[in-house]
PDB file of all heavy atoms in Angstrom:
ATOM      1  N   GLU A   1      20.433 -19.268  -1.084  1.00  0.00           N
ATOM      2  CA  GLU A   1      20.860 -17.945  -0.646  1.00  0.00           C
ATOM      3  C   GLU A   1      19.655 -17.032  -0.474  1.00  0.00           C
ATOM      4  O   GLU A   1      18.574 -17.269  -1.003  1.00  0.00           O
ATOM      5  CB  GLU A   1      21.868 -17.327  -1.608  1.00  0.00           C
ATOM      6  CG  GLU A   1      21.272 -16.762  -2.867  1.00  0.00           C
ATOM      7  CD  GLU A   1      22.325 -16.157  -3.777  1.00  0.00           C
ATOM      8  OE1 GLU A   1      23.504 -16.103  -3.407  1.00  0.00           O
ATOM      9  OE2 GLU A   1      21.938 -15.745  -4.867  1.00  0.00           O
ATOM     10  N   ASP A   2      19.837 -16.019   0.286  1.00  0.00           N
ATOM     11  CA  ASP A   2      18.776 -15.067   0.575  1.00  0.00           C
ATOM     12  C   ASP A   2      18.405 -14.340  -0.712  1.00  0.00           C
ATOM     13  O   ASP A   2      19.232 -13.690  -1.325  1.00  0.00           O
ATOM     14  CB  ASP A   2      19.286 -14.062   1.625  1.00  0.00           C
ATOM     15  CG  ASP A   2      18.181 -13.178   2.149  1.00  0.00           C
ATOM     16  OD1 ASP A   2      17.034 -13.362   1.724  1.00  0.00           O
ATOM     17  OD2 ASP A   2      18.485 -12.315   2.981  1.00  0.00           O
ATOM     18  N   HIS A   3      17.169 -14.499  -1.126  1.00  0.00           N
ATOM     19  CA  HIS A   3      16.738 -13.914  -2.389  1.00  0.00           C
ATOM     20  C   HIS A   3      16.194 -12.492  -2.227  1.00  0.00           C
ATOM     21  O   HIS A   3      15.728 -11.900  -3.192  1.00  0.00           O
ATOM     22  CB  HIS A   3      15.667 -14.799  -3.046  1.00  0.00           C
ATOM     23  CG  HIS A   3      16.233 -16.079  -3.555  1.00  0.00           C
ATOM     24  ND1 HIS A   3      17.081 -16.146  -4.628  1.00  0.00           N
ATOM     25  CD2 HIS A   3      16.107 -17.353  -3.103  1.00  0.00           C
ATOM     26  CE1 HIS A   3      17.435 -17.388  -4.841  1.00  0.00           C
ATOM     27  NE2 HIS A   3      16.859 -18.142  -3.921  1.00  0.00           N
ATOM     28  N   ARG A   4      16.245 -11.988  -1.020  1.00  0.00           N
ATOM     29  CA  ARG A   4      15.780 -10.610  -0.848  1.00  0.00           C
ATOM     30  C   ARG A   4      16.712  -9.678  -1.587  1.00  0.00           C
ATOM     31  O   ARG A   4      17.923  -9.829  -1.554  1.00  0.00           O
ATOM     32  CB  ARG A   4      15.749 -10.234   0.630  1.00  0.00           C
ATOM     33  CG  ARG A   4      14.637 -10.943   1.384  1.00  0.00           C
ATOM     34  CD  ARG A   4      14.691 -10.567   2.814  1.00  0.00           C
ATOM     35  NE  ARG A   4      15.909 -11.203   3.354  1.00  0.00           N
ATOM     36  CZ  ARG A   4      16.298 -11.070   4.603  1.00  0.00           C
ATOM     37  NH1 ARG A   4      15.648 -10.341   5.434  1.00  0.00           N
ATOM     38  NH2 ARG A   4      17.392 -11.696   5.010  1.00  0.00           N
ATOM     39  N   LYS A   5      16.137  -8.726  -2.219  1.00  0.00           N
ATOM     40  CA  LYS A   5      16.942  -7.770  -2.982  1.00  0.00           C
ATOM     41  C   LYS A   5      17.227  -6.560  -2.090  1.00  0.00           C
ATOM     42  O   LYS A   5      16.405  -6.164  -1.283  1.00  0.00           O
ATOM     43  CB  LYS A   5      16.176  -7.323  -4.223  1.00  0.00           C
ATOM     44  CG  LYS A   5      15.818  -8.503  -5.118  1.00  0.00           C
ATOM     45  CD  LYS A   5      15.928  -8.102  -6.536  1.00  0.00           C
ATOM     46  CE  LYS A   5      15.675  -9.139  -7.555  1.00  0.00           C
ATOM     47  NZ  LYS A   5      15.300 -10.427  -7.305  1.00  0.00           N
ATOM     48  N   ASN A   6      18.398  -6.007  -2.277  1.00  0.00           N
ATOM     49  CA  ASN A   6      18.714  -4.784  -1.560  1.00  0.00           C
ATOM     50  C   ASN A   6      17.863  -3.662  -2.126  1.00  0.00           C
ATOM     51  O   ASN A   6      17.712  -3.525  -3.329  1.00  0.00           O
ATOM     52  CB  ASN A   6      20.196  -4.428  -1.726  1.00  0.00           C
ATOM     53  CG  ASN A   6      21.088  -5.403  -1.004  1.00  0.00           C
ATOM     54  OD1 ASN A   6      20.654  -6.057  -0.068  1.00  0.00           O
ATOM     55  ND2 ASN A   6      22.320  -5.504  -1.442  1.00  0.00           N
ATOM     56  N   GLU A   7      17.324  -2.898  -1.226  1.00  0.00           N
ATOM     57  CA  GLU A   7      16.484  -1.782  -1.660  1.00  0.00           C
ATOM     58  C   GLU A   7      17.378  -0.662  -2.191  1.00  0.00           C
ATOM     59  O   GLU A   7      18.386  -0.319  -1.594  1.00  0.00           O
ATOM     60  CB  GLU A   7      15.643  -1.268  -0.487  1.00  0.00           C
ATOM     61  CG  GLU A   7      14.655  -2.291   0.042  1.00  0.00           C
ATOM     62  CD  GLU A   7      13.587  -2.682  -0.970  1.00  0.00           C
ATOM     63  OE1 GLU A   7      13.142  -1.807  -1.749  1.00  0.00           O
ATOM     64  OE2 GLU A   7      13.199  -3.856  -1.001  1.00  0.00           O
ATOM     65  N   THR A   8      16.989  -0.119  -3.308  1.00  0.00           N
ATOM     66  CA  THR A   8      17.722   1.001  -3.870  1.00  0.00           C
ATOM     67  C   THR A   8      16.900   2.254  -3.649  1.00  0.00           C
ATOM     68  O   THR A   8      15.722   2.198  -3.315  1.00  0.00           O
ATOM     69  CB  THR A   8      17.933   0.809  -5.382  1.00  0.00           C
ATOM     70  OG1 THR A   8      16.652   0.778  -6.022  1.00  0.00           O
ATOM     71  CG2 THR A   8      18.679  -0.479  -5.672  1.00  0.00           C
ATOM     72  N   GLY A   9      17.516   3.370  -3.857  1.00  0.00           N
ATOM     73  CA  GLY A   9      16.789   4.630  -3.732  1.00  0.00           C
ATOM     74  C   GLY A   9      15.629   4.683  -4.704  1.00  0.00           C
ATOM     75  O   GLY A   9      14.550   5.175  -4.382  1.00  0.00           O
ATOM     76  N   GLU A  10      15.847   4.146  -5.900  1.00  0.00           N
ATOM     77  CA  GLU A  10      14.787   4.153  -6.914  1.00  0.00           C
ATOM     78  C   GLU A  10      13.599   3.306  -6.483  1.00  0.00           C
ATOM     79  O   GLU A  10      12.449   3.727  -6.589  1.00  0.00           O
ATOM     80  CB  GLU A  10      15.339   3.639  -8.246  1.00  0.00           C
ATOM     81  CG  GLU A  10      14.332   3.680  -9.369  1.00  0.00           C
ATOM     82  CD  GLU A  10      14.892   3.125 -10.673  1.00  0.00           C
ATOM     83  OE1 GLU A  10      15.995   2.550 -10.664  1.00  0.00           O
ATOM     84  OE2 GLU A  10      14.203   3.279 -11.683  1.00  0.00           O
ATOM     85  N   SER A  11      13.874   2.101  -5.962  1.00  0.00           N
ATOM     86  CA  SER A  11      12.762   1.238  -5.550  1.00  0.00           C
ATOM     87  C   SER A  11      12.036   1.833  -4.346  1.00  0.00           C
ATOM     88  O   SER A  11      10.815   1.727  -4.241  1.00  0.00           O
ATOM     89  CB  SER A  11      13.231  -0.182  -5.259  1.00  0.00           C
ATOM     90  OG  SER A  11      14.122  -0.218  -4.175  1.00  0.00           O
ATOM     91  N   ASP A  12      12.781   2.478  -3.438  1.00  0.00           N
ATOM     92  CA  ASP A  12      12.134   3.152  -2.303  1.00  0.00           C
ATOM     93  C   ASP A  12      11.190   4.251  -2.793  1.00  0.00           C
ATOM     94  O   ASP A  12      10.064   4.380  -2.304  1.00  0.00           O
ATOM     95  CB  ASP A  12      13.178   3.770  -1.363  1.00  0.00           C
ATOM     96  CG  ASP A  12      13.879   2.727  -0.512  1.00  0.00           C
ATOM     97  OD1 ASP A  12      13.360   1.595  -0.407  1.00  0.00           O
ATOM     98  OD2 ASP A  12      14.946   3.049   0.040  1.00  0.00           O
ATOM     99  N   LEU A  13      11.661   5.023  -3.756  1.00  0.00           N
ATOM    100  CA  LEU A  13      10.843   6.112  -4.302  1.00  0.00           C
ATOM    101  C   LEU A  13       9.594   5.560  -4.978  1.00  0.00           C
ATOM    102  O   LEU A  13       8.492   6.076  -4.776  1.00  0.00           O
ATOM    103  CB  LEU A  13      11.664   6.936  -5.292  1.00  0.00           C
ATOM    104  CG  LEU A  13      10.964   8.157  -5.897  1.00  0.00           C
ATOM    105  CD1 LEU A  13      10.593   9.154  -4.799  1.00  0.00           C
ATOM    106  CD2 LEU A  13      11.860   8.816  -6.931  1.00  0.00           C
ATOM    107  N   LEU A  14       9.763   4.504  -5.767  1.00  0.00           N
ATOM    108  CA  LEU A  14       8.606   3.888  -6.442  1.00  0.00           C
ATOM    109  C   LEU A  14       7.603   3.346  -5.437  1.00  0.00           C
ATOM    110  O   LEU A  14       6.394   3.483  -5.616  1.00  0.00           O
ATOM    111  CB  LEU A  14       9.071   2.772  -7.380  1.00  0.00           C
ATOM    112  CG  LEU A  14       9.789   3.224  -8.641  1.00  0.00           C
ATOM    113  CD1 LEU A  14      10.387   2.020  -9.364  1.00  0.00           C
ATOM    114  CD2 LEU A  14       8.849   3.973  -9.570  1.00  0.00           C
ATOM    115  N   LYS A  15       8.098   2.738  -4.370  1.00  0.00           N
ATOM    116  CA  LYS A  15       7.203   2.227  -3.327  1.00  0.00           C
ATOM    117  C   LYS A  15       6.431   3.362  -2.671  1.00  0.00           C
ATOM    118  O   LYS A  15       5.225   3.259  -2.447  1.00  0.00           O
ATOM    119  CB  LYS A  15       8.012   1.492  -2.259  1.00  0.00           C
ATOM    120  CG  LYS A  15       7.935  -0.005  -2.354  1.00  0.00           C
ATOM    121  CD  LYS A  15       8.467  -0.617  -1.086  1.00  0.00           C
ATOM    122  CE  LYS A  15       9.522  -1.616  -1.445  1.00  0.00           C
ATOM    123  NZ  LYS A  15      10.159  -2.222  -0.318  1.00  0.00           N
ATOM    124  N   GLN A  16       7.135   4.447  -2.361  1.00  0.00           N
ATOM    125  CA  GLN A  16       6.474   5.590  -1.726  1.00  0.00           C
ATOM    126  C   GLN A  16       5.394   6.166  -2.632  1.00  0.00           C
ATOM    127  O   GLN A  16       4.294   6.477  -2.184  1.00  0.00           O
ATOM    128  CB  GLN A  16       7.500   6.682  -1.402  1.00  0.00           C
ATOM    129  CG  GLN A  16       8.337   6.387  -0.187  1.00  0.00           C
ATOM    130  CD  GLN A  16       9.368   7.489   0.049  1.00  0.00           C
ATOM    131  OE1 GLN A  16       9.864   8.107  -0.883  1.00  0.00           O
ATOM    132  NE2 GLN A  16       9.684   7.717   1.324  1.00  0.00           N
ATOM    133  N   GLU A  17       5.724   6.302  -3.918  1.00  0.00           N
ATOM    134  CA  GLU A  17       4.746   6.830  -4.865  1.00  0.00           C
ATOM    135  C   GLU A  17       3.530   5.914  -4.965  1.00  0.00           C
ATOM    136  O   GLU A  17       2.391   6.374  -5.002  1.00  0.00           O
ATOM    137  CB  GLU A  17       5.373   7.009  -6.251  1.00  0.00           C
ATOM    138  CG  GLU A  17       6.347   8.154  -6.345  1.00  0.00           C
ATOM    139  CD  GLU A  17       7.032   8.244  -7.710  1.00  0.00           C
ATOM    140  OE1 GLU A  17       6.728   7.432  -8.615  1.00  0.00           O
ATOM    141  OE2 GLU A  17       7.887   9.133  -7.861  1.00  0.00           O
ATOM    142  N   SER A  18       3.748   4.623  -5.002  1.00  0.00           N
ATOM    143  CA  SER A  18       2.645   3.667  -5.079  1.00  0.00           C
ATOM    144  C   SER A  18       1.782   3.721  -3.830  1.00  0.00           C
ATOM    145  O   SER A  18       0.555   3.654  -3.915  1.00  0.00           O
ATOM    146  CB  SER A  18       3.172   2.247  -5.278  1.00  0.00           C
ATOM    147  OG  SER A  18       3.744   2.110  -6.549  1.00  0.00           O
ATOM    148  N   MET A  19       2.427   3.817  -2.671  1.00  0.00           N
ATOM    149  CA  MET A  19       1.667   3.907  -1.418  1.00  0.00           C
ATOM    150  C   MET A  19       0.815   5.169  -1.398  1.00  0.00           C
ATOM    151  O   MET A  19      -0.341   5.142  -0.970  1.00  0.00           O
ATOM    152  CB  MET A  19       2.622   3.892  -0.212  1.00  0.00           C
ATOM    153  CG  MET A  19       3.331   2.571  -0.010  1.00  0.00           C
ATOM    154  SD  MET A  19       2.236   1.229   0.401  1.00  0.00           S
ATOM    155  CE  MET A  19       1.863   1.639   2.085  1.00  0.00           C
ATOM    156  N   GLU A  20       1.367   6.259  -1.886  1.00  0.00           N
ATOM    157  CA  GLU A  20       0.615   7.522  -1.931  1.00  0.00           C
ATOM    158  C   GLU A  20      -0.583   7.397  -2.876  1.00  0.00           C
ATOM    159  O   GLU A  20      -1.691   7.838  -2.553  1.00  0.00           O
ATOM    160  CB  GLU A  20       1.536   8.669  -2.363  1.00  0.00           C
ATOM    161  CG  GLU A  20       0.930  10.042  -2.218  1.00  0.00           C
ATOM    162  CD  GLU A  20       0.459  10.348  -0.809  1.00  0.00           C
ATOM    163  OE1 GLU A  20       1.143   9.984   0.174  1.00  0.00           O
ATOM    164  OE2 GLU A  20      -0.639  10.935  -0.682  1.00  0.00           O
ATOM    165  N   LYS A  21      -0.368   6.796  -4.043  1.00  0.00           N
ATOM    166  CA  LYS A  21      -1.475   6.586  -4.991  1.00  0.00           C
ATOM    167  C   LYS A  21      -2.550   5.702  -4.377  1.00  0.00           C
ATOM    168  O   LYS A  21      -3.747   5.949  -4.558  1.00  0.00           O
ATOM    169  CB  LYS A  21      -0.967   5.941  -6.292  1.00  0.00           C
ATOM    170  CG  LYS A  21      -0.236   6.893  -7.191  1.00  0.00           C
ATOM    171  CD  LYS A  21       0.208   6.186  -8.458  1.00  0.00           C
ATOM    172  CE  LYS A  21       1.026   7.122  -9.338  1.00  0.00           C
ATOM    173  NZ  LYS A  21       1.484   6.466 -10.551  1.00  0.00           N
ATOM    174  N   ALA A  22      -2.125   4.660  -3.642  1.00  0.00           N
ATOM    175  CA  ALA A  22      -3.088   3.753  -3.007  1.00  0.00           C
ATOM    176  C   ALA A  22      -3.903   4.491  -1.946  1.00  0.00           C
ATOM    177  O   ALA A  22      -5.123   4.332  -1.863  1.00  0.00           O
ATOM    178  CB  ALA A  22      -2.363   2.567  -2.390  1.00  0.00           C
ATOM    179  N   ARG A  23      -3.252   5.345  -1.159  1.00  0.00           N
ATOM    180  CA  ARG A  23      -3.979   6.118  -0.133  1.00  0.00           C
ATOM    181  C   ARG A  23      -4.997   7.058  -0.775  1.00  0.00           C
ATOM    182  O   ARG A  23      -6.122   7.183  -0.302  1.00  0.00           O
ATOM    183  CB  ARG A  23      -2.989   6.923   0.721  1.00  0.00           C
ATOM    184  CG  ARG A  23      -2.294   6.107   1.761  1.00  0.00           C
ATOM    185  CD  ARG A  23      -1.504   6.987   2.738  1.00  0.00           C
ATOM    186  NE  ARG A  23      -0.379   6.232   3.242  1.00  0.00           N
ATOM    187  CZ  ARG A  23       0.875   6.323   2.812  1.00  0.00           C
ATOM    188  NH1 ARG A  23       1.189   7.186   1.875  1.00  0.00           N
ATOM    189  NH2 ARG A  23       1.808   5.579   3.331  1.00  0.00           N
ATOM    190  N   GLU A  24      -4.571   7.722  -1.851  1.00  0.00           N
ATOM    191  CA  GLU A  24      -5.479   8.646  -2.554  1.00  0.00           C
ATOM    192  C   GLU A  24      -6.666   7.890  -3.141  1.00  0.00           C
ATOM    193  O   GLU A  24      -7.800   8.352  -3.053  1.00  0.00           O
ATOM    194  CB  GLU A  24      -4.729   9.398  -3.664  1.00  0.00           C
ATOM    195  CG  GLU A  24      -3.684  10.380  -3.161  1.00  0.00           C
ATOM    196  CD  GLU A  24      -4.287  11.467  -2.274  1.00  0.00           C
ATOM    197  OE1 GLU A  24      -5.359  12.005  -2.621  1.00  0.00           O
ATOM    198  OE2 GLU A  24      -3.681  11.756  -1.228  1.00  0.00           O
ATOM    199  N   ALA A  25      -6.388   6.725  -3.746  1.00  0.00           N
ATOM    200  CA  ALA A  25      -7.470   5.936  -4.336  1.00  0.00           C
ATOM    201  C   ALA A  25      -8.414   5.419  -3.257  1.00  0.00           C
ATOM    202  O   ALA A  25      -9.639   5.402  -3.443  1.00  0.00           O
ATOM    203  CB  ALA A  25      -6.890   4.776  -5.131  1.00  0.00           C
ATOM    204  N   LEU A  26      -7.871   5.028  -2.117  1.00  0.00           N
ATOM    205  CA  LEU A  26      -8.687   4.530  -1.007  1.00  0.00           C
ATOM    206  C   LEU A  26      -9.668   5.601  -0.531  1.00  0.00           C
ATOM    207  O   LEU A  26     -10.837   5.309  -0.252  1.00  0.00           O
ATOM    208  CB  LEU A  26      -7.789   4.069   0.141  1.00  0.00           C
ATOM    209  CG  LEU A  26      -8.458   3.373   1.316  1.00  0.00           C
ATOM    210  CD1 LEU A  26      -9.142   2.092   0.868  1.00  0.00           C
ATOM    211  CD2 LEU A  26      -7.437   3.063   2.404  1.00  0.00           C
ATOM    212  N   LYS A  27      -9.207   6.847  -0.489  1.00  0.00           N
ATOM    213  CA  LYS A  27     -10.068   7.960  -0.047  1.00  0.00           C
ATOM    214  C   LYS A  27     -11.244   8.171  -1.007  1.00  0.00           C
ATOM    215  O   LYS A  27     -12.288   8.660  -0.603  1.00  0.00           O
ATOM    216  CB  LYS A  27      -9.259   9.260   0.047  1.00  0.00           C
ATOM    217  CG  LYS A  27      -8.277   9.284   1.196  1.00  0.00           C
ATOM    218  CD  LYS A  27      -7.485  10.586   1.174  1.00  0.00           C
ATOM    219  CE  LYS A  27      -6.364  10.566   2.188  1.00  0.00           C
ATOM    220  NZ  LYS A  27      -5.510  11.749   2.075  1.00  0.00           N
ATOM    221  N   LYS A  28     -11.066   7.799  -2.272  1.00  0.00           N
ATOM    222  CA  LYS A  28     -12.112   8.011  -3.277  1.00  0.00           C
ATOM    223  C   LYS A  28     -13.158   6.905  -3.281  1.00  0.00           C
ATOM    224  O   LYS A  28     -14.208   7.051  -3.916  1.00  0.00           O
ATOM    225  CB  LYS A  28     -11.476   8.115  -4.675  1.00  0.00           C
ATOM    226  CG  LYS A  28     -10.601   9.337  -4.845  1.00  0.00           C
ATOM    227  CD  LYS A  28      -9.964   9.352  -6.216  1.00  0.00           C
ATOM    228  CE  LYS A  28      -9.009  10.541  -6.350  1.00  0.00           C
ATOM    229  NZ  LYS A  28      -8.272  10.510  -7.610  1.00  0.00           N
ATOM    230  N   LEU A  29     -12.896   5.814  -2.578  1.00  0.00           N
ATOM    231  CA  LEU A  29     -13.851   4.705  -2.534  1.00  0.00           C
ATOM    232  C   LEU A  29     -15.026   5.044  -1.617  1.00  0.00           C
ATOM    233  O   LEU A  29     -14.875   5.805  -0.656  1.00  0.00           O
ATOM    234  CB  LEU A  29     -13.177   3.430  -2.003  1.00  0.00           C
ATOM    235  CG  LEU A  29     -12.114   2.770  -2.853  1.00  0.00           C
ATOM    236  CD1 LEU A  29     -11.553   1.549  -2.108  1.00  0.00           C
ATOM    237  CD2 LEU A  29     -12.649   2.350  -4.197  1.00  0.00           C
ATOM    238  N   PRO A  30     -16.190   4.438  -1.887  1.00  0.00           N
ATOM    239  CA  PRO A  30     -17.310   4.585  -0.952  1.00  0.00           C
ATOM    240  C   PRO A  30     -16.906   4.040   0.423  1.00  0.00           C
ATOM    241  O   PRO A  30     -16.097   3.114   0.516  1.00  0.00           O
ATOM    242  CB  PRO A  30     -18.425   3.721  -1.574  1.00  0.00           C
ATOM    243  CG  PRO A  30     -18.047   3.544  -3.001  1.00  0.00           C
ATOM    244  CD  PRO A  30     -16.558   3.663  -3.073  1.00  0.00           C
ATOM    245  N   SER A  31     -17.473   4.579   1.475  1.00  0.00           N
ATOM    246  CA  SER A  31     -17.072   4.229   2.840  1.00  0.00           C
ATOM    247  C   SER A  31     -17.221   2.741   3.140  1.00  0.00           C
ATOM    248  O   SER A  31     -16.403   2.162   3.860  1.00  0.00           O
ATOM    249  CB  SER A  31     -17.817   5.060   3.876  1.00  0.00           C
ATOM    250  OG  SER A  31     -19.202   4.788   3.794  1.00  0.00           O
ATOM    251  N   LYS A  32     -18.243   2.071   2.575  1.00  0.00           N
ATOM    252  CA  LYS A  32     -18.415   0.646   2.863  1.00  0.00           C
ATOM    253  C   LYS A  32     -17.251  -0.179   2.293  1.00  0.00           C
ATOM    254  O   LYS A  32     -16.889  -1.199   2.856  1.00  0.00           O
ATOM    255  CB  LYS A  32     -19.769   0.138   2.360  1.00  0.00           C
ATOM    256  CG  LYS A  32     -19.952   0.131   0.862  1.00  0.00           C
ATOM    257  CD  LYS A  32     -21.338  -0.385   0.493  1.00  0.00           C
ATOM    258  CE  LYS A  32     -21.473  -0.466  -1.023  1.00  0.00           C
ATOM    259  NZ  LYS A  32     -22.760  -1.009  -1.410  1.00  0.00           N
ATOM    260  N   PHE A  33     -16.656   0.294   1.191  1.00  0.00           N
ATOM    261  CA  PHE A  33     -15.500  -0.393   0.621  1.00  0.00           C
ATOM    262  C   PHE A  33     -14.228  -0.028   1.382  1.00  0.00           C
ATOM    263  O   PHE A  33     -13.342  -0.863   1.578  1.00  0.00           O
ATOM    264  CB  PHE A  33     -15.340  -0.071  -0.867  1.00  0.00           C
ATOM    265  CG  PHE A  33     -16.415  -0.655  -1.753  1.00  0.00           C
ATOM    266  CD1 PHE A  33     -16.702  -0.101  -2.974  1.00  0.00           C
ATOM    267  CD2 PHE A  33     -17.163  -1.756  -1.349  1.00  0.00           C
ATOM    268  CE1 PHE A  33     -17.685  -0.625  -3.794  1.00  0.00           C
ATOM    269  CE2 PHE A  33     -18.152  -2.296  -2.165  1.00  0.00           C
ATOM    270  CZ  PHE A  33     -18.416  -1.726  -3.391  1.00  0.00           C
ATOM    271  N   GLN A  34     -14.131   1.236   1.795  1.00  0.00           N
ATOM    272  CA  GLN A  34     -12.970   1.660   2.578  1.00  0.00           C
ATOM    273  C   GLN A  34     -12.861   0.833   3.854  1.00  0.00           C
ATOM    274  O   GLN A  34     -11.781   0.351   4.206  1.00  0.00           O
ATOM    275  CB  GLN A  34     -13.082   3.142   2.954  1.00  0.00           C
ATOM    276  CG  GLN A  34     -12.797   4.099   1.843  1.00  0.00           C
ATOM    277  CD  GLN A  34     -12.906   5.551   2.319  1.00  0.00           C
ATOM    278  OE1 GLN A  34     -12.748   5.841   3.505  1.00  0.00           O
ATOM    279  NE2 GLN A  34     -13.164   6.446   1.380  1.00  0.00           N
ATOM    280  N   GLU A  35     -13.970   0.671   4.536  1.00  0.00           N
ATOM    281  CA  GLU A  35     -13.983  -0.056   5.809  1.00  0.00           C
ATOM    282  C   GLU A  35     -13.439  -1.477   5.649  1.00  0.00           C
ATOM    283  O   GLU A  35     -12.542  -1.888   6.397  1.00  0.00           O
ATOM    284  CB  GLU A  35     -15.418  -0.157   6.359  1.00  0.00           C
ATOM    285  CG  GLU A  35     -16.011   1.133   6.841  1.00  0.00           C
ATOM    286  CD  GLU A  35     -17.483   0.974   7.208  1.00  0.00           C
ATOM    287  OE1 GLU A  35     -18.175   0.141   6.588  1.00  0.00           O
ATOM    288  OE2 GLU A  35     -17.916   1.688   8.133  1.00  0.00           O
ATOM    289  N   VAL A  36     -13.990  -2.222   4.679  1.00  0.00           N
ATOM    290  CA  VAL A  36     -13.568  -3.619   4.553  1.00  0.00           C
ATOM    291  C   VAL A  36     -12.102  -3.737   4.144  1.00  0.00           C
ATOM    292  O   VAL A  36     -11.386  -4.600   4.642  1.00  0.00           O
ATOM    293  CB  VAL A  36     -14.464  -4.430   3.576  1.00  0.00           C
ATOM    294  CG1 VAL A  36     -15.843  -4.644   4.140  1.00  0.00           C
ATOM    295  CG2 VAL A  36     -14.505  -3.848   2.207  1.00  0.00           C
ATOM    296  N   LEU A  37     -11.659  -2.843   3.245  1.00  0.00           N
ATOM    297  CA  LEU A  37     -10.252  -2.905   2.820  1.00  0.00           C
ATOM    298  C   LEU A  37      -9.305  -2.565   3.961  1.00  0.00           C
ATOM    299  O   LEU A  37      -8.279  -3.232   4.147  1.00  0.00           O
ATOM    300  CB  LEU A  37      -9.996  -1.951   1.654  1.00  0.00           C
ATOM    301  CG  LEU A  37     -10.127  -2.527   0.260  1.00  0.00           C
ATOM    302  CD1 LEU A  37      -9.701  -1.517  -0.783  1.00  0.00           C
ATOM    303  CD2 LEU A  37      -9.366  -3.805   0.080  1.00  0.00           C
ATOM    304  N   ILE A  38      -9.621  -1.550   4.708  1.00  0.00           N
ATOM    305  CA  ILE A  38      -8.762  -1.155   5.830  1.00  0.00           C
ATOM    306  C   ILE A  38      -8.682  -2.282   6.857  1.00  0.00           C
ATOM    307  O   ILE A  38      -7.594  -2.628   7.330  1.00  0.00           O
ATOM    308  CB  ILE A  38      -9.258   0.167   6.467  1.00  0.00           C
ATOM    309  CG1 ILE A  38      -8.990   1.316   5.494  1.00  0.00           C
ATOM    310  CG2 ILE A  38      -8.576   0.410   7.809  1.00  0.00           C
ATOM    311  CD1 ILE A  38      -9.636   2.631   5.886  1.00  0.00           C
ATOM    312  N   LEU A  39      -9.832  -2.865   7.186  1.00  0.00           N
ATOM    313  CA  LEU A  39      -9.832  -3.947   8.161  1.00  0.00           C
ATOM    314  C   LEU A  39      -9.077  -5.182   7.644  1.00  0.00           C
ATOM    315  O   LEU A  39      -8.374  -5.855   8.393  1.00  0.00           O
ATOM    316  CB  LEU A  39     -11.265  -4.334   8.541  1.00  0.00           C
ATOM    317  CG  LEU A  39     -12.029  -3.278   9.346  1.00  0.00           C
ATOM    318  CD1 LEU A  39     -13.484  -3.679   9.518  1.00  0.00           C
ATOM    319  CD2 LEU A  39     -11.373  -3.043  10.702  1.00  0.00           C
ATOM    320  N   ARG A  40      -9.228  -5.467   6.379  1.00  0.00           N
ATOM    321  CA  ARG A  40      -8.580  -6.657   5.800  1.00  0.00           C
ATOM    322  C   ARG A  40      -7.079  -6.436   5.595  1.00  0.00           C
ATOM    323  O   ARG A  40      -6.253  -7.255   5.992  1.00  0.00           O
ATOM    324  CB  ARG A  40      -9.236  -7.008   4.456  1.00  0.00           C
ATOM    325  CG  ARG A  40      -8.619  -8.168   3.754  1.00  0.00           C
ATOM    326  CD  ARG A  40      -8.925  -9.465   4.455  1.00  0.00           C
ATOM    327  NE  ARG A  40      -8.232 -10.544   3.765  1.00  0.00           N
ATOM    328  CZ  ARG A  40      -7.714 -11.579   4.348  1.00  0.00           C
ATOM    329  NH1 ARG A  40      -7.823 -11.721   5.647  1.00  0.00           N
ATOM    330  NH2 ARG A  40      -7.090 -12.497   3.671  1.00  0.00           N
ATOM    331  N   GLU A  41      -6.703  -5.343   4.959  1.00  0.00           N
ATOM    332  CA  GLU A  41      -5.308  -5.124   4.567  1.00  0.00           C
ATOM    333  C   GLU A  41      -4.443  -4.544   5.685  1.00  0.00           C
ATOM    334  O   GLU A  41      -3.269  -4.844   5.763  1.00  0.00           O
ATOM    335  CB  GLU A  41      -5.233  -4.206   3.339  1.00  0.00           C
ATOM    336  CG  GLU A  41      -5.992  -4.721   2.123  1.00  0.00           C
ATOM    337  CD  GLU A  41      -5.511  -6.075   1.612  1.00  0.00           C
ATOM    338  OE1 GLU A  41      -4.324  -6.409   1.792  1.00  0.00           O
ATOM    339  OE2 GLU A  41      -6.332  -6.807   1.033  1.00  0.00           O
ATOM    340  N   TYR A  42      -5.002  -3.696   6.522  1.00  0.00           N
ATOM    341  CA  TYR A  42      -4.180  -3.020   7.526  1.00  0.00           C
ATOM    342  C   TYR A  42      -4.358  -3.585   8.932  1.00  0.00           C
ATOM    343  O   TYR A  42      -3.492  -3.436   9.771  1.00  0.00           O
ATOM    344  CB  TYR A  42      -4.458  -1.518   7.518  1.00  0.00           C
ATOM    345  CG  TYR A  42      -4.144  -0.902   6.167  1.00  0.00           C
ATOM    346  CD1 TYR A  42      -5.154  -0.466   5.317  1.00  0.00           C
ATOM    347  CD2 TYR A  42      -2.829  -0.798   5.721  1.00  0.00           C
ATOM    348  CE1 TYR A  42      -4.862   0.068   4.069  1.00  0.00           C
ATOM    349  CE2 TYR A  42      -2.534  -0.272   4.480  1.00  0.00           C
ATOM    350  CZ  TYR A  42      -3.555   0.159   3.658  1.00  0.00           C
ATOM    351  OH  TYR A  42      -3.266   0.678   2.421  1.00  0.00           O
ATOM    352  N   SER A  43      -5.490  -4.227   9.181  1.00  0.00           N
ATOM    353  CA  SER A  43      -5.713  -4.801  10.507  1.00  0.00           C
ATOM    354  C   SER A  43      -5.523  -6.312  10.509  1.00  0.00           C
ATOM    355  O   SER A  43      -5.646  -6.950  11.547  1.00  0.00           O
ATOM    356  CB  SER A  43      -7.131  -4.480  10.998  1.00  0.00           C
ATOM    357  OG  SER A  43      -7.309  -3.092  11.083  1.00  0.00           O
ATOM    358  N   ASP A  44      -5.279  -6.870   9.330  1.00  0.00           N
ATOM    359  CA  ASP A  44      -5.072  -8.315   9.187  1.00  0.00           C
ATOM    360  C   ASP A  44      -6.202  -9.140   9.800  1.00  0.00           C
ATOM    361  O   ASP A  44      -5.957 -10.177  10.402  1.00  0.00           O
ATOM    362  CB  ASP A  44      -3.731  -8.749   9.791  1.00  0.00           C
ATOM    363  CG  ASP A  44      -2.557  -8.326   8.950  1.00  0.00           C
ATOM    364  OD1 ASP A  44      -2.712  -8.252   7.713  1.00  0.00           O
ATOM    365  OD2 ASP A  44      -1.477  -8.059   9.523  1.00  0.00           O
ATOM    366  N   MET A  45      -7.415  -8.666   9.647  1.00  0.00           N
ATOM    367  CA  MET A  45      -8.562  -9.421  10.145  1.00  0.00           C
ATOM    368  C   MET A  45      -9.045 -10.356   9.042  1.00  0.00           C
ATOM    369  O   MET A  45      -8.940 -10.055   7.860  1.00  0.00           O
ATOM    370  CB  MET A  45      -9.695  -8.463  10.545  1.00  0.00           C
ATOM    371  CG  MET A  45      -9.342  -7.538  11.697  1.00  0.00           C
ATOM    372  SD  MET A  45     -10.643  -6.362  12.040  1.00  0.00           S
ATOM    373  CE  MET A  45     -11.697  -7.349  13.070  1.00  0.00           C
TER     374      MET A  45
END
């Protein structure tokens, strides 16, 4: 059976909060680290 879980409002909120924390932390990294992470994680290179 499909093991995907239905998203709840709580899990959506937790995901949004985590994404926001990740964006804030990414901004605090040195630019050479920001570049490689963005290219690897968001550009799938």
